[in-house]
Amino acid sequence: MPIPDLMAGWQRFRAGRFRDQRVLFERIAREGQRPRTAMVACCDSRVDPAIVFDCDPGDLFVVRNVANLVPPYEESGSYHGTSAALEYAVGVLGVRDIVVLGHSQCGGIRALVEGPPVGSEPMRFLTSWMSLAQEARAAAMTPPRLPAEERATLCERLAIRLSVRNLETFPAIRQRVEKGMLAVHGWHFDLHDGLLTVFDPASNRFLPQDDGHTPECVS
């Protein structure tokens, strides 16, 4: 969206939603943020968690990165943006739920499965970041003769499961989960039809949320 369109959008927001929800904005400015849920989502411009889940300002603490990955807990290295945000969400805000939100047509996962676009420049940072999901890629490449689109979707879901597992390598998260103070979730949103599937540890599958139809398991 061009900058002039963004400015026009801000003007509409200020005259519309901001004015309509002035009490809410005054309260969260005065009291600070108190979200119950932290969400690790993708940078993809098509998937805005606040829009997908129809949230008000202050409802979600959102951490966005390429392919909604959670790295395992480790103390080496220099910069840990996602880990720092999770540490703040759990240790300071005291969220009760952490959701890893993946989505269909994820460019990061597609590049991981198929390789970078032909003719693209080397992307050292992106390649290093996506290496976090190599385990998911290896598992997704195992089924033979799987169509490319289905293989990408499988990898998206496997990467969500991997990130959910990585969440519990953080001592503060694991301790709170064990005490029943925190729950972690893996969700997958389909851009085409708006379907939300939720990872069920008991069946090790993603289950569609109730939309009035009979639920069916998906890999």
N, C-alpha and C. Protein backbone atom coordinates (compact mmCIF):
# COMPACT_ATOMS: atom_id res chain seq x y z
N MET A 1 0.85 -1.19 0.00
CA MET A 1 0.00 0.00 0.00
C MET A 1 0.88 1.24 0.00
N PRO A 2 0.65 2.18 -0.90
CA PRO A 2 1.46 3.40 -0.96
C PRO A 2 1.31 4.24 0.31
N ILE A 3 2.33 5.02 0.60
CA ILE A 3 2.33 5.84 1.81
C ILE A 3 1.11 6.77 1.88
N PRO A 4 0.74 7.45 0.79
CA PRO A 4 -0.47 8.30 0.88
C PRO A 4 -1.72 7.53 1.30
N ASP A 5 -1.83 6.27 0.85
CA ASP A 5 -2.98 5.45 1.24
C ASP A 5 -2.93 5.11 2.73
N LEU A 6 -1.70 4.88 3.23
CA LEU A 6 -1.56 4.61 4.66
C LEU A 6 -1.97 5.82 5.49
N MET A 7 -1.57 7.00 5.06
CA MET A 7 -1.94 8.22 5.79
C MET A 7 -3.44 8.44 5.76
N ALA A 8 -4.04 8.15 4.62
CA ALA A 8 -5.50 8.28 4.52
C ALA A 8 -6.19 7.27 5.43
N GLY A 9 -5.59 6.06 5.51
CA GLY A 9 -6.14 5.05 6.40
C GLY A 9 -6.06 5.47 7.86
N TRP A 10 -4.93 6.08 8.23
CA TRP A 10 -4.79 6.57 9.61
C TRP A 10 -5.84 7.64 9.92
N GLN A 11 -6.11 8.50 8.94
CA GLN A 11 -7.12 9.54 9.15
C GLN A 11 -8.50 8.92 9.37
N ARG A 12 -8.81 7.88 8.59
CA ARG A 12 -10.09 7.20 8.77
C ARG A 12 -10.14 6.52 10.13
N PHE A 13 -9.03 5.90 10.54
CA PHE A 13 -8.96 5.26 11.84
C PHE A 13 -9.18 6.27 12.96
N ARG A 14 -8.50 7.41 12.86
CA ARG A 14 -8.59 8.42 13.93
C ARG A 14 -10.01 8.97 14.04
N ALA A 15 -10.65 9.14 12.88
CA ALA A 15 -12.00 9.69 12.88
C ALA A 15 -13.06 8.63 13.16
N GLY A 16 -12.70 7.35 12.97
CA GLY A 16 -13.68 6.29 13.12
C GLY A 16 -13.44 5.42 14.33
N ARG A 17 -12.68 4.36 14.16
CA ARG A 17 -12.52 3.38 15.24
C ARG A 17 -11.89 3.98 16.50
N PHE A 18 -10.90 4.84 16.34
CA PHE A 18 -10.27 5.44 17.52
C PHE A 18 -11.29 6.25 18.32
N ARG A 19 -12.10 7.00 17.62
CA ARG A 19 -13.13 7.79 18.30
C ARG A 19 -14.19 6.90 18.93
N ASP A 20 -14.59 5.84 18.18
CA ASP A 20 -15.62 4.94 18.70
C ASP A 20 -15.15 4.16 19.92
N GLN A 21 -13.85 3.87 19.97
CA GLN A 21 -13.30 3.08 21.07
C GLN A 21 -12.40 3.93 21.97
N ARG A 22 -12.75 5.18 22.09
CA ARG A 22 -11.91 6.09 22.87
C ARG A 22 -11.74 5.63 24.31
N VAL A 23 -12.79 5.10 24.91
CA VAL A 23 -12.71 4.62 26.29
C VAL A 23 -11.68 3.50 26.40
N LEU A 24 -11.70 2.57 25.44
CA LEU A 24 -10.75 1.47 25.43
C LEU A 24 -9.32 1.99 25.31
N PHE A 25 -9.09 2.90 24.36
CA PHE A 25 -7.74 3.42 24.16
C PHE A 25 -7.25 4.19 25.37
N GLU A 26 -8.12 4.93 26.01
CA GLU A 26 -7.73 5.65 27.22
C GLU A 26 -7.38 4.68 28.34
N ARG A 27 -8.13 3.58 28.45
CA ARG A 27 -7.87 2.62 29.50
C ARG A 27 -6.54 1.90 29.30
N ILE A 28 -6.27 1.43 28.07
CA ILE A 28 -5.03 0.70 27.85
C ILE A 28 -3.82 1.63 27.87
N ALA A 29 -4.03 2.91 27.57
CA ALA A 29 -2.93 3.86 27.71
C ALA A 29 -2.64 4.13 29.18
N ARG A 30 -3.68 4.14 29.99
CA ARG A 30 -3.53 4.43 31.42
C ARG A 30 -3.04 3.20 32.20
N GLU A 31 -3.57 2.03 31.89
CA GLU A 31 -3.29 0.84 32.69
C GLU A 31 -2.19 -0.04 32.10
N GLY A 32 -1.81 0.20 30.85
CA GLY A 32 -0.84 -0.67 30.20
C GLY A 32 -1.50 -1.88 29.58
N GLN A 33 -0.70 -2.73 28.97
CA GLN A 33 -1.25 -3.90 28.28
C GLN A 33 -1.37 -5.09 29.23
N ARG A 34 -2.46 -5.83 29.05
CA ARG A 34 -2.70 -7.02 29.86
C ARG A 34 -3.27 -8.16 28.99
N PRO A 35 -2.57 -8.51 27.93
CA PRO A 35 -3.09 -9.58 27.07
C PRO A 35 -3.00 -10.93 27.77
N ARG A 36 -3.96 -11.77 27.51
CA ARG A 36 -3.94 -13.14 28.06
C ARG A 36 -3.23 -14.10 27.11
N THR A 37 -3.09 -13.69 25.84
CA THR A 37 -2.54 -14.60 24.83
C THR A 37 -1.38 -13.96 24.09
N ALA A 38 -0.29 -14.71 23.96
CA ALA A 38 0.82 -14.33 23.08
C ALA A 38 0.72 -15.18 21.83
N MET A 39 0.98 -14.58 20.68
CA MET A 39 0.86 -15.30 19.42
C MET A 39 2.12 -15.11 18.58
N VAL A 40 2.72 -16.22 18.19
CA VAL A 40 3.87 -16.19 17.28
C VAL A 40 3.32 -16.39 15.88
N ALA A 41 3.37 -15.34 15.08
CA ALA A 41 2.76 -15.36 13.75
C ALA A 41 3.80 -15.03 12.69
N CYS A 42 3.40 -15.22 11.44
CA CYS A 42 4.30 -14.98 10.31
C CYS A 42 4.27 -13.51 9.91
N CYS A 43 5.37 -13.06 9.29
CA CYS A 43 5.44 -11.69 8.77
C CYS A 43 4.53 -11.47 7.57
N ASP A 44 4.03 -12.53 6.99
CA ASP A 44 3.22 -12.43 5.76
C ASP A 44 2.15 -11.35 5.89
N SER A 45 2.13 -10.45 4.92
CA SER A 45 1.22 -9.30 4.97
C SER A 45 -0.25 -9.69 4.86
N ARG A 46 -0.52 -10.93 4.44
CA ARG A 46 -1.90 -11.36 4.25
C ARG A 46 -2.53 -11.94 5.51
N VAL A 47 -1.71 -12.17 6.54
CA VAL A 47 -2.22 -12.85 7.74
C VAL A 47 -1.95 -11.97 8.96
N ASP A 48 -2.91 -11.12 9.28
CA ASP A 48 -2.81 -10.25 10.45
C ASP A 48 -3.63 -10.89 11.57
N PRO A 49 -2.99 -11.36 12.64
CA PRO A 49 -3.72 -12.07 13.69
C PRO A 49 -4.88 -11.27 14.28
N ALA A 50 -4.69 -9.97 14.46
CA ALA A 50 -5.76 -9.16 15.05
C ALA A 50 -7.00 -9.13 14.16
N ILE A 51 -6.78 -9.18 12.83
CA ILE A 51 -7.91 -9.19 11.90
C ILE A 51 -8.53 -10.58 11.84
N VAL A 52 -7.69 -11.61 11.73
CA VAL A 52 -8.19 -12.99 11.62
C VAL A 52 -9.06 -13.36 12.81
N PHE A 53 -8.67 -12.90 14.02
CA PHE A 53 -9.40 -13.28 15.23
C PHE A 53 -10.25 -12.13 15.79
N ASP A 54 -10.42 -11.08 14.98
CA ASP A 54 -11.33 -9.98 15.31
C ASP A 54 -11.06 -9.44 16.72
N CYS A 55 -9.79 -9.05 16.96
CA CYS A 55 -9.37 -8.61 18.28
C CYS A 55 -9.35 -7.09 18.41
N ASP A 56 -9.51 -6.64 19.63
CA ASP A 56 -9.34 -5.24 19.96
C ASP A 56 -7.88 -4.97 20.32
N PRO A 57 -7.45 -3.71 20.26
CA PRO A 57 -6.11 -3.37 20.73
C PRO A 57 -5.94 -3.83 22.19
N GLY A 58 -4.80 -4.44 22.46
CA GLY A 58 -4.53 -4.93 23.81
C GLY A 58 -4.89 -6.38 24.03
N ASP A 59 -5.58 -7.02 23.08
CA ASP A 59 -6.01 -8.40 23.27
C ASP A 59 -4.87 -9.41 23.06
N LEU A 60 -4.00 -9.13 22.09
CA LEU A 60 -2.95 -10.07 21.73
C LEU A 60 -1.57 -9.43 21.88
N PHE A 61 -0.61 -10.23 22.36
CA PHE A 61 0.79 -9.84 22.31
C PHE A 61 1.38 -10.62 21.15
N VAL A 62 1.66 -9.95 20.03
CA VAL A 62 2.01 -10.63 18.79
C VAL A 62 3.50 -10.53 18.51
N VAL A 63 4.11 -11.69 18.24
CA VAL A 63 5.50 -11.78 17.83
C VAL A 63 5.48 -12.28 16.38
N ARG A 64 6.00 -11.49 15.45
CA ARG A 64 5.96 -11.91 14.05
C ARG A 64 7.37 -12.09 13.52
N ASN A 65 7.57 -13.18 12.82
CA ASN A 65 8.84 -13.44 12.14
C ASN A 65 8.57 -14.26 10.89
N VAL A 66 9.58 -14.52 10.11
CA VAL A 66 9.42 -15.30 8.88
C VAL A 66 9.04 -16.74 9.25
N ALA A 67 7.89 -17.17 8.76
CA ALA A 67 7.40 -18.55 8.91
C ALA A 67 7.03 -18.91 10.34
N ASN A 68 6.77 -17.90 11.19
CA ASN A 68 6.28 -18.12 12.55
C ASN A 68 7.05 -19.22 13.30
N LEU A 69 8.37 -19.14 13.25
CA LEU A 69 9.21 -20.15 13.88
C LEU A 69 9.59 -19.75 15.31
N VAL A 70 9.67 -20.74 16.17
CA VAL A 70 10.19 -20.55 17.52
C VAL A 70 11.50 -21.32 17.61
N PRO A 71 12.62 -20.65 17.89
CA PRO A 71 13.88 -21.37 18.03
C PRO A 71 13.91 -22.11 19.36
N PRO A 72 14.72 -23.14 19.47
CA PRO A 72 14.87 -23.78 20.78
C PRO A 72 15.61 -22.86 21.74
N TYR A 73 15.42 -23.09 23.02
CA TYR A 73 16.10 -22.27 24.02
C TYR A 73 17.61 -22.46 23.93
N GLU A 74 18.35 -21.39 23.88
CA GLU A 74 19.80 -21.43 23.93
C GLU A 74 20.32 -20.05 24.30
N GLU A 75 21.48 -20.02 24.94
CA GLU A 75 22.01 -18.77 25.48
C GLU A 75 23.20 -18.23 24.71
N SER A 76 23.64 -18.93 23.66
CA SER A 76 24.75 -18.43 22.87
C SER A 76 24.24 -17.45 21.82
N GLY A 77 25.15 -16.88 21.07
CA GLY A 77 24.75 -15.93 20.04
C GLY A 77 24.52 -14.55 20.62
N SER A 78 24.09 -13.62 19.77
CA SER A 78 23.99 -12.23 20.19
C SER A 78 22.58 -11.68 20.23
N TYR A 79 21.73 -12.09 19.28
CA TYR A 79 20.42 -11.47 19.18
C TYR A 79 19.33 -12.54 19.15
N HIS A 80 18.35 -12.36 20.00
CA HIS A 80 17.27 -13.34 20.11
C HIS A 80 15.94 -12.60 20.20
N GLY A 81 15.50 -12.04 19.10
CA GLY A 81 14.28 -11.24 19.11
C GLY A 81 13.05 -12.02 19.53
N THR A 82 12.83 -13.18 18.92
CA THR A 82 11.65 -13.98 19.25
C THR A 82 11.73 -14.48 20.69
N SER A 83 12.90 -14.95 21.09
CA SER A 83 13.07 -15.45 22.45
C SER A 83 12.86 -14.34 23.47
N ALA A 84 13.36 -13.13 23.17
CA ALA A 84 13.18 -12.00 24.09
C ALA A 84 11.71 -11.64 24.23
N ALA A 85 10.98 -11.67 23.12
CA ALA A 85 9.56 -11.34 23.18
C ALA A 85 8.79 -12.38 23.99
N LEU A 86 9.13 -13.66 23.82
CA LEU A 86 8.47 -14.71 24.60
C LEU A 86 8.80 -14.57 26.08
N GLU A 87 10.04 -14.25 26.37
CA GLU A 87 10.45 -14.06 27.76
C GLU A 87 9.64 -12.94 28.41
N TYR A 88 9.43 -11.86 27.67
CA TYR A 88 8.66 -10.73 28.18
C TYR A 88 7.19 -11.11 28.36
N ALA A 89 6.66 -11.81 27.36
CA ALA A 89 5.24 -12.20 27.41
C ALA A 89 4.95 -13.08 28.62
N VAL A 90 5.85 -14.00 28.91
CA VAL A 90 5.64 -14.94 30.01
C VAL A 90 6.03 -14.33 31.35
N GLY A 91 7.24 -13.73 31.41
CA GLY A 91 7.77 -13.27 32.67
C GLY A 91 7.21 -11.95 33.17
N VAL A 92 6.82 -11.07 32.25
CA VAL A 92 6.33 -9.74 32.65
C VAL A 92 4.81 -9.64 32.49
N LEU A 93 4.31 -10.03 31.34
CA LEU A 93 2.87 -9.90 31.09
C LEU A 93 2.06 -11.04 31.70
N GLY A 94 2.71 -12.18 31.91
CA GLY A 94 2.00 -13.30 32.53
C GLY A 94 0.90 -13.88 31.67
N VAL A 95 1.15 -14.00 30.36
CA VAL A 95 0.12 -14.56 29.48
C VAL A 95 -0.22 -15.98 29.90
N ARG A 96 -1.45 -16.39 29.60
CA ARG A 96 -1.91 -17.73 29.98
C ARG A 96 -1.85 -18.71 28.82
N ASP A 97 -1.71 -18.19 27.59
CA ASP A 97 -1.65 -19.05 26.41
C ASP A 97 -0.62 -18.51 25.43
N ILE A 98 0.08 -19.41 24.76
CA ILE A 98 0.95 -19.05 23.65
C ILE A 98 0.50 -19.85 22.44
N VAL A 99 0.23 -19.15 21.35
CA VAL A 99 -0.23 -19.79 20.12
C VAL A 99 0.81 -19.60 19.03
N VAL A 100 1.19 -20.68 18.37
CA VAL A 100 1.99 -20.61 17.15
C VAL A 100 1.01 -20.66 15.99
N LEU A 101 0.91 -19.56 15.26
CA LEU A 101 -0.06 -19.47 14.16
C LEU A 101 0.65 -19.56 12.81
N GLY A 102 0.51 -20.71 12.16
CA GLY A 102 1.02 -20.86 10.80
C GLY A 102 -0.09 -20.61 9.79
N HIS A 103 0.25 -20.64 8.53
CA HIS A 103 -0.76 -20.37 7.51
C HIS A 103 -0.39 -21.01 6.19
N SER A 104 -1.37 -21.13 5.31
CA SER A 104 -1.14 -21.70 3.99
C SER A 104 -0.36 -20.72 3.12
N GLN A 105 0.27 -21.24 2.07
CA GLN A 105 1.01 -20.44 1.09
C GLN A 105 2.14 -19.63 1.75
N CYS A 106 2.74 -20.18 2.78
CA CYS A 106 3.83 -19.48 3.47
C CYS A 106 5.07 -19.46 2.59
N GLY A 107 5.56 -18.27 2.27
CA GLY A 107 6.71 -18.14 1.38
C GLY A 107 7.97 -18.71 1.97
N GLY A 108 8.16 -18.55 3.29
CA GLY A 108 9.35 -19.09 3.92
C GLY A 108 9.39 -20.60 3.86
N ILE A 109 8.26 -21.23 4.14
CA ILE A 109 8.18 -22.69 4.07
C ILE A 109 8.32 -23.17 2.64
N ARG A 110 7.70 -22.46 1.72
CA ARG A 110 7.80 -22.85 0.31
C ARG A 110 9.25 -22.82 -0.17
N ALA A 111 10.00 -21.79 0.24
CA ALA A 111 11.41 -21.70 -0.13
C ALA A 111 12.21 -22.81 0.52
N LEU A 112 11.85 -23.18 1.74
CA LEU A 112 12.53 -24.26 2.44
C LEU A 112 12.34 -25.58 1.71
N VAL A 113 11.12 -25.81 1.23
CA VAL A 113 10.80 -27.08 0.57
C VAL A 113 11.34 -27.12 -0.86
N GLU A 114 11.18 -26.02 -1.59
CA GLU A 114 11.49 -26.01 -3.02
C GLU A 114 12.81 -25.33 -3.35
N GLY A 115 13.39 -24.63 -2.37
CA GLY A 115 14.59 -23.86 -2.65
C GLY A 115 14.21 -22.43 -3.01
N PRO A 116 15.17 -21.49 -2.96
CA PRO A 116 14.88 -20.09 -3.25
C PRO A 116 14.46 -19.90 -4.71
N PRO A 117 13.74 -18.82 -5.01
CA PRO A 117 13.34 -18.55 -6.39
C PRO A 117 14.55 -18.46 -7.31
N VAL A 118 14.40 -18.96 -8.53
CA VAL A 118 15.49 -18.93 -9.50
C VAL A 118 15.90 -17.48 -9.77
N GLY A 119 17.20 -17.22 -9.71
CA GLY A 119 17.71 -15.89 -10.01
C GLY A 119 17.70 -14.94 -8.83
N SER A 120 17.20 -15.39 -7.67
CA SER A 120 17.17 -14.50 -6.52
C SER A 120 18.56 -14.33 -5.93
N GLU A 121 18.79 -13.22 -5.25
CA GLU A 121 20.07 -12.97 -4.63
C GLU A 121 20.22 -13.86 -3.39
N PRO A 122 21.47 -14.18 -3.03
CA PRO A 122 21.68 -14.98 -1.80
C PRO A 122 21.09 -14.25 -0.60
N MET A 123 20.42 -14.99 0.27
CA MET A 123 19.79 -14.41 1.46
C MET A 123 20.34 -15.12 2.69
N ARG A 124 21.47 -14.64 3.18
CA ARG A 124 22.19 -15.31 4.26
C ARG A 124 21.36 -15.37 5.53
N PHE A 125 20.73 -14.25 5.89
CA PHE A 125 19.97 -14.21 7.13
C PHE A 125 18.74 -15.11 7.05
N LEU A 126 18.06 -15.05 5.93
CA LEU A 126 16.85 -15.85 5.78
C LEU A 126 17.17 -17.34 5.75
N THR A 127 18.24 -17.70 5.05
CA THR A 127 18.63 -19.11 4.99
C THR A 127 18.98 -19.64 6.37
N SER A 128 19.72 -18.84 7.13
CA SER A 128 20.08 -19.25 8.49
C SER A 128 18.84 -19.41 9.36
N TRP A 129 17.90 -18.46 9.25
CA TRP A 129 16.69 -18.52 10.05
C TRP A 129 15.85 -19.75 9.71
N MET A 130 15.67 -20.01 8.44
CA MET A 130 14.83 -21.13 8.02
C MET A 130 15.45 -22.49 8.32
N SER A 131 16.75 -22.51 8.61
CA SER A 131 17.38 -23.77 8.98
C SER A 131 16.78 -24.32 10.27
N LEU A 132 16.12 -23.46 11.05
CA LEU A 132 15.43 -23.92 12.26
C LEU A 132 14.37 -24.97 11.94
N ALA A 133 13.86 -24.96 10.72
CA ALA A 133 12.77 -25.86 10.35
C ALA A 133 13.23 -27.03 9.49
N GLN A 134 14.52 -27.31 9.47
CA GLN A 134 15.02 -28.40 8.64
C GLN A 134 14.43 -29.75 9.02
N GLU A 135 14.18 -29.96 10.31
CA GLU A 135 13.58 -31.21 10.75
C GLU A 135 12.19 -31.39 10.14
N ALA A 136 11.42 -30.29 10.09
CA ALA A 136 10.09 -30.34 9.48
C ALA A 136 10.20 -30.61 7.99
N ARG A 137 11.17 -29.98 7.34
CA ARG A 137 11.37 -30.20 5.90
C ARG A 137 11.69 -31.66 5.62
N ALA A 138 12.61 -32.24 6.40
CA ALA A 138 13.00 -33.62 6.18
C ALA A 138 11.81 -34.56 6.29
N ALA A 139 10.95 -34.32 7.28
CA ALA A 139 9.77 -35.17 7.46
C ALA A 139 8.77 -34.97 6.33
N ALA A 140 8.65 -33.73 5.85
CA ALA A 140 7.70 -33.44 4.78
C ALA A 140 8.15 -34.02 3.45
N MET A 141 9.45 -34.22 3.28
CA MET A 141 9.97 -34.75 2.01
C MET A 141 9.90 -36.27 1.96
N THR A 142 9.53 -36.91 3.08
CA THR A 142 9.53 -38.37 3.15
C THR A 142 8.42 -39.03 2.33
N PRO A 143 7.16 -38.57 2.43
CA PRO A 143 6.10 -39.25 1.66
C PRO A 143 6.37 -39.15 0.15
N PRO A 144 6.36 -40.27 -0.56
CA PRO A 144 6.63 -40.23 -2.00
C PRO A 144 5.44 -39.72 -2.81
N ARG A 145 5.73 -39.12 -3.93
CA ARG A 145 4.72 -38.71 -4.92
C ARG A 145 3.64 -37.79 -4.33
N LEU A 146 4.01 -37.00 -3.38
CA LEU A 146 3.05 -36.06 -2.80
C LEU A 146 3.05 -34.79 -3.65
N PRO A 147 1.88 -34.29 -4.09
CA PRO A 147 1.85 -33.05 -4.87
C PRO A 147 2.53 -31.91 -4.13
N ALA A 148 3.11 -30.98 -4.88
CA ALA A 148 3.90 -29.91 -4.29
C ALA A 148 3.11 -29.09 -3.28
N GLU A 149 1.85 -28.79 -3.60
CA GLU A 149 1.04 -27.98 -2.70
C GLU A 149 0.77 -28.71 -1.38
N GLU A 150 0.48 -29.99 -1.47
CA GLU A 150 0.23 -30.78 -0.26
C GLU A 150 1.50 -30.94 0.56
N ARG A 151 2.65 -31.05 -0.12
CA ARG A 151 3.91 -31.18 0.61
C ARG A 151 4.22 -29.89 1.37
N ALA A 152 3.94 -28.74 0.75
CA ALA A 152 4.17 -27.46 1.41
C ALA A 152 3.26 -27.32 2.63
N THR A 153 1.99 -27.72 2.47
CA THR A 153 1.06 -27.64 3.60
C THR A 153 1.50 -28.56 4.73
N LEU A 154 1.95 -29.75 4.37
CA LEU A 154 2.45 -30.69 5.38
C LEU A 154 3.63 -30.07 6.13
N CYS A 155 4.54 -29.45 5.40
CA CYS A 155 5.71 -28.83 6.03
C CYS A 155 5.29 -27.68 6.93
N GLU A 156 4.30 -26.90 6.52
CA GLU A 156 3.79 -25.81 7.36
C GLU A 156 3.32 -26.35 8.70
N ARG A 157 2.57 -27.43 8.66
CA ARG A 157 2.03 -28.00 9.90
C ARG A 157 3.12 -28.66 10.74
N LEU A 158 4.06 -29.31 10.08
CA LEU A 158 5.16 -29.92 10.82
C LEU A 158 6.03 -28.86 11.48
N ALA A 159 6.19 -27.73 10.82
CA ALA A 159 6.97 -26.63 11.41
C ALA A 159 6.26 -26.04 12.62
N ILE A 160 4.94 -25.98 12.58
CA ILE A 160 4.17 -25.52 13.74
C ILE A 160 4.39 -26.47 14.90
N ARG A 161 4.29 -27.75 14.65
CA ARG A 161 4.51 -28.74 15.71
C ARG A 161 5.91 -28.64 16.29
N LEU A 162 6.90 -28.41 15.44
CA LEU A 162 8.28 -28.25 15.89
C LEU A 162 8.41 -27.02 16.78
N SER A 163 7.78 -25.93 16.40
CA SER A 163 7.85 -24.70 17.19
C SER A 163 7.14 -24.86 18.53
N VAL A 164 6.03 -25.58 18.54
CA VAL A 164 5.34 -25.86 19.81
C VAL A 164 6.26 -26.65 20.73
N ARG A 165 6.95 -27.62 20.17
CA ARG A 165 7.89 -28.41 20.97
C ARG A 165 9.04 -27.54 21.47
N ASN A 166 9.54 -26.64 20.61
CA ASN A 166 10.63 -25.76 21.01
C ASN A 166 10.22 -24.81 22.13
N LEU A 167 8.96 -24.43 22.16
CA LEU A 167 8.49 -23.54 23.23
C LEU A 167 8.79 -24.13 24.60
N GLU A 168 8.61 -25.42 24.73
CA GLU A 168 8.77 -26.05 26.04
C GLU A 168 10.22 -26.34 26.38
N THR A 169 11.16 -25.95 25.51
CA THR A 169 12.57 -26.01 25.89
C THR A 169 12.97 -24.77 26.70
N PHE A 170 12.08 -23.77 26.75
CA PHE A 170 12.34 -22.59 27.57
C PHE A 170 11.95 -22.93 29.00
N PRO A 171 12.89 -22.87 29.94
CA PRO A 171 12.57 -23.27 31.32
C PRO A 171 11.36 -22.56 31.90
N ALA A 172 11.24 -21.25 31.70
CA ALA A 172 10.12 -20.51 32.28
C ALA A 172 8.79 -20.98 31.69
N ILE A 173 8.77 -21.31 30.41
CA ILE A 173 7.55 -21.79 29.77
C ILE A 173 7.24 -23.20 30.26
N ARG A 174 8.24 -24.07 30.26
CA ARG A 174 8.01 -25.46 30.69
C ARG A 174 7.50 -25.53 32.13
N GLN A 175 8.09 -24.74 33.00
CA GLN A 175 7.67 -24.74 34.40
C GLN A 175 6.22 -24.31 34.56
N ARG A 176 5.82 -23.28 33.81
CA ARG A 176 4.45 -22.79 33.91
C ARG A 176 3.46 -23.78 33.30
N VAL A 177 3.87 -24.45 32.22
CA VAL A 177 3.01 -25.48 31.63
C VAL A 177 2.80 -26.61 32.63
N GLU A 178 3.86 -27.05 33.27
CA GLU A 178 3.76 -28.15 34.23
C GLU A 178 2.89 -27.79 35.43
N LYS A 179 2.85 -26.51 35.79
CA LYS A 179 2.04 -26.06 36.92
C LYS A 179 0.60 -25.71 36.52
N GLY A 180 0.29 -25.83 35.23
CA GLY A 180 -1.05 -25.49 34.76
C GLY A 180 -1.30 -24.00 34.65
N MET A 181 -0.23 -23.21 34.64
CA MET A 181 -0.36 -21.76 34.56
C MET A 181 -0.31 -21.25 33.13
N LEU A 182 0.07 -22.11 32.19
CA LEU A 182 0.28 -21.70 30.81
C LEU A 182 -0.01 -22.88 29.90
N ALA A 183 -0.58 -22.59 28.74
CA ALA A 183 -0.81 -23.63 27.73
C ALA A 183 -0.25 -23.17 26.40
N VAL A 184 0.28 -24.11 25.62
CA VAL A 184 0.82 -23.78 24.30
C VAL A 184 -0.04 -24.46 23.24
N HIS A 185 -0.19 -23.81 22.10
CA HIS A 185 -1.09 -24.27 21.06
C HIS A 185 -0.43 -24.11 19.69
N GLY A 186 -0.80 -24.97 18.75
CA GLY A 186 -0.37 -24.84 17.36
C GLY A 186 -1.58 -24.76 16.45
N TRP A 187 -1.70 -23.65 15.72
CA TRP A 187 -2.85 -23.44 14.83
C TRP A 187 -2.37 -23.18 13.40
N HIS A 188 -3.20 -23.57 12.43
CA HIS A 188 -2.91 -23.34 11.01
C HIS A 188 -4.12 -22.69 10.36
N PHE A 189 -3.89 -21.55 9.72
CA PHE A 189 -4.95 -20.78 9.07
C PHE A 189 -4.82 -20.92 7.56
N ASP A 190 -5.93 -21.26 6.90
CA ASP A 190 -5.94 -21.41 5.45
C ASP A 190 -6.43 -20.13 4.80
N LEU A 191 -5.57 -19.52 4.00
CA LEU A 191 -5.91 -18.25 3.35
C LEU A 191 -7.06 -18.40 2.37
N HIS A 192 -7.16 -19.55 1.74
CA HIS A 192 -8.15 -19.71 0.67
C HIS A 192 -9.57 -19.71 1.19
N ASP A 193 -9.82 -20.46 2.28
CA ASP A 193 -11.20 -20.60 2.75
C ASP A 193 -11.41 -20.12 4.20
N GLY A 194 -10.34 -19.62 4.82
CA GLY A 194 -10.47 -19.11 6.19
C GLY A 194 -10.55 -20.20 7.25
N LEU A 195 -10.32 -21.45 6.86
CA LEU A 195 -10.41 -22.56 7.81
C LEU A 195 -9.26 -22.51 8.82
N LEU A 196 -9.59 -22.77 10.07
CA LEU A 196 -8.59 -22.84 11.13
C LEU A 196 -8.51 -24.27 11.63
N THR A 197 -7.30 -24.86 11.59
CA THR A 197 -7.10 -26.19 12.14
C THR A 197 -6.17 -26.07 13.34
N VAL A 198 -6.41 -26.91 14.34
CA VAL A 198 -5.71 -26.82 15.62
C VAL A 198 -5.01 -28.15 15.90
N PHE A 199 -3.75 -28.07 16.29
CA PHE A 199 -3.00 -29.28 16.57
C PHE A 199 -3.50 -29.94 17.85
N ASP A 200 -3.81 -31.22 17.74
CA ASP A 200 -4.30 -32.01 18.88
C ASP A 200 -3.21 -33.01 19.26
N PRO A 201 -2.52 -32.78 20.39
CA PRO A 201 -1.43 -33.68 20.79
C PRO A 201 -1.87 -35.13 20.98
N ALA A 202 -3.10 -35.34 21.40
CA ALA A 202 -3.58 -36.70 21.66
C ALA A 202 -3.61 -37.55 20.39
N SER A 203 -4.05 -36.96 19.29
CA SER A 203 -4.12 -37.69 18.02
C SER A 203 -2.95 -37.39 17.11
N ASN A 204 -2.13 -36.39 17.49
CA ASN A 204 -0.98 -35.96 16.69
C ASN A 204 -1.42 -35.46 15.32
N ARG A 205 -2.61 -34.84 15.28
CA ARG A 205 -3.15 -34.33 14.03
C ARG A 205 -3.71 -32.91 14.22
N PHE A 206 -3.91 -32.24 13.09
CA PHE A 206 -4.57 -30.94 13.11
C PHE A 206 -6.05 -31.16 12.85
N LEU A 207 -6.88 -30.63 13.72
CA LEU A 207 -8.32 -30.82 13.63
C LEU A 207 -9.01 -29.50 13.27
N PRO A 208 -9.89 -29.50 12.26
CA PRO A 208 -10.62 -28.28 11.92
C PRO A 208 -11.50 -27.82 13.06
N GLN A 209 -11.57 -26.53 13.26
CA GLN A 209 -12.47 -25.99 14.27
C GLN A 209 -13.90 -26.06 13.77
N ASP A 210 -14.82 -26.15 14.69
CA ASP A 210 -16.22 -26.33 14.35
C ASP A 210 -16.75 -25.12 13.59
N ASP A 211 -17.18 -25.38 12.36
CA ASP A 211 -17.79 -24.32 11.57
C ASP A 211 -19.18 -24.74 11.10
N GLY A 212 -19.77 -25.69 11.85
CA GLY A 212 -21.09 -26.18 11.49
C GLY A 212 -21.07 -27.44 10.67
N HIS A 213 -19.84 -27.92 10.33
CA HIS A 213 -19.72 -29.15 9.57
C HIS A 213 -19.05 -30.22 10.44
N THR A 214 -19.14 -31.46 10.01
CA THR A 214 -18.52 -32.55 10.74
C THR A 214 -17.01 -32.45 10.63
N PRO A 215 -16.28 -32.35 11.77
CA PRO A 215 -14.82 -32.23 11.72
C PRO A 215 -14.18 -33.45 11.09
N GLU A 216 -13.10 -33.22 10.36
CA GLU A 216 -12.33 -34.29 9.78
C GLU A 216 -10.87 -34.09 10.13
N CYS A 217 -10.16 -35.15 10.40
CA CYS A 217 -8.75 -35.05 10.72
C CYS A 217 -7.96 -34.76 9.44
N VAL A 218 -6.91 -33.96 9.59
CA VAL A 218 -6.00 -33.72 8.50
C VAL A 218 -4.60 -33.94 9.04
N SER A 219 -3.70 -34.35 8.17
CA SER A 219 -2.33 -34.65 8.61
C SER A 219 -1.66 -33.42 9.15
